[in-house]
Amino acid sequence: MKLTFDPRYNIAYLRLKDKTTQVETLHISESMNIDLAPDGTIYGIELLNANKQLRDHESKNLVVENSATGKSAVVSLK
């Protein structure tokens, strides 16, 4: 799994697996698209206006936490 963020366009993409075939993009809302394989497998989730959706409202950062270890990392989305 990989999360990418492009601040130029304010778009984030959560890639769950590599695309090995054509995907169908489902438009879920004005701020979210989901890429599906023909068998219904989710390849990725695209977030438009990503910094607003991903950031912690107090610090304006993305906090990624491993619930198994309790370790976390902070990424600035400014």
Protein backbone atom coordinates (compact mmCIF):
# COMPACT_ATOMS: atom_id res chain seq x y z
CA MET A 1 0.00 0.00 0.00
CA LYS A 2 1.25 3.47 -0.84
CA LEU A 3 -0.16 6.94 -0.24
CA THR A 4 1.01 9.70 -2.57
CA PHE A 5 0.19 13.41 -2.32
CA ASP A 6 0.64 16.01 -5.05
CA PRO A 7 0.46 19.48 -3.47
CA ARG A 8 0.39 21.19 -6.89
CA TYR A 9 -3.03 19.70 -7.61
CA ASN A 10 -4.01 18.88 -4.01
CA ILE A 11 -4.68 15.24 -4.89
CA ALA A 12 -3.84 12.15 -2.85
CA TYR A 13 -3.91 8.58 -4.11
CA LEU A 14 -4.04 5.57 -1.84
CA ARG A 15 -2.75 2.69 -3.96
CA LEU A 16 -3.74 -0.65 -2.49
CA LYS A 17 -2.08 -2.73 -5.22
CA ASP A 18 -0.41 -2.23 -8.59
CA LYS A 19 -2.71 -1.97 -11.59
CA THR A 20 -2.25 -5.08 -13.69
CA THR A 21 -5.32 -4.64 -15.88
CA GLN A 22 -7.75 -1.97 -17.01
CA VAL A 23 -9.67 -0.37 -14.17
CA GLU A 24 -13.05 1.27 -13.95
CA THR A 25 -13.08 4.54 -12.05
CA LEU A 26 -16.18 5.09 -9.95
CA HIS A 27 -17.01 8.71 -9.20
CA ILE A 28 -18.17 8.53 -5.58
CA SER A 29 -18.40 12.26 -4.88
CA GLU A 30 -16.86 15.55 -5.95
CA SER A 31 -13.88 14.71 -3.77
CA MET A 32 -13.43 10.92 -4.20
CA ASN A 33 -12.89 8.38 -6.98
CA ILE A 34 -12.31 4.64 -6.59
CA ASP A 35 -10.46 2.48 -9.15
CA LEU A 36 -11.91 -1.04 -9.49
CA ALA A 37 -10.71 -4.09 -11.41
CA PRO A 38 -13.22 -6.11 -13.45
CA ASP A 39 -13.52 -8.60 -10.56
CA GLY A 40 -14.46 -5.81 -8.13
CA THR A 41 -11.03 -5.58 -6.48
CA ILE A 42 -10.17 -2.07 -5.32
CA TYR A 43 -6.88 -0.85 -6.75
CA GLY A 44 -6.88 2.62 -5.31
CA ILE A 45 -8.73 5.60 -3.91
CA GLU A 46 -8.20 9.12 -5.25
CA LEU A 47 -8.92 12.04 -2.94
CA LEU A 48 -9.46 15.45 -4.47
CA ASN A 49 -9.01 18.46 -2.18
CA ALA A 50 -6.84 16.03 -0.27
CA ASN A 51 -5.25 18.30 2.31
CA LYS A 52 -8.69 19.15 3.68
CA GLN A 53 -9.71 15.47 3.83
CA LEU A 54 -6.51 14.02 5.25
CA ARG A 55 -5.17 16.55 7.70
CA ASP A 56 -5.71 16.65 11.41
CA HIS A 57 -7.93 19.69 11.99
CA GLU A 58 -5.77 21.07 14.78
CA SER A 59 -2.27 20.66 13.33
CA LYS A 60 -3.04 20.52 9.58
CA ASN A 61 -0.84 17.42 9.31
CA LEU A 62 -1.50 13.85 8.26
CA VAL A 63 -0.83 11.44 11.11
CA VAL A 64 -0.17 7.82 10.09
CA GLU A 65 -0.35 5.40 12.98
CA ASN A 66 0.50 1.70 13.11
CA SER A 67 -2.16 0.36 15.46
CA ALA A 68 -0.18 -2.83 16.09
CA THR A 69 2.99 -1.08 17.31
CA GLY A 70 1.59 2.27 18.42
CA LYS A 71 4.24 4.06 16.35
CA SER A 72 3.20 7.03 14.25
CA ALA A 73 4.58 9.42 11.66
CA VAL A 74 3.52 12.98 10.89
CA VAL A 75 3.44 14.39 7.34
CA SER A 76 2.83 18.07 6.66
CA LEU A 77 0.05 18.80 4.16
CA LYS A 78 0.45 22.58 4.13
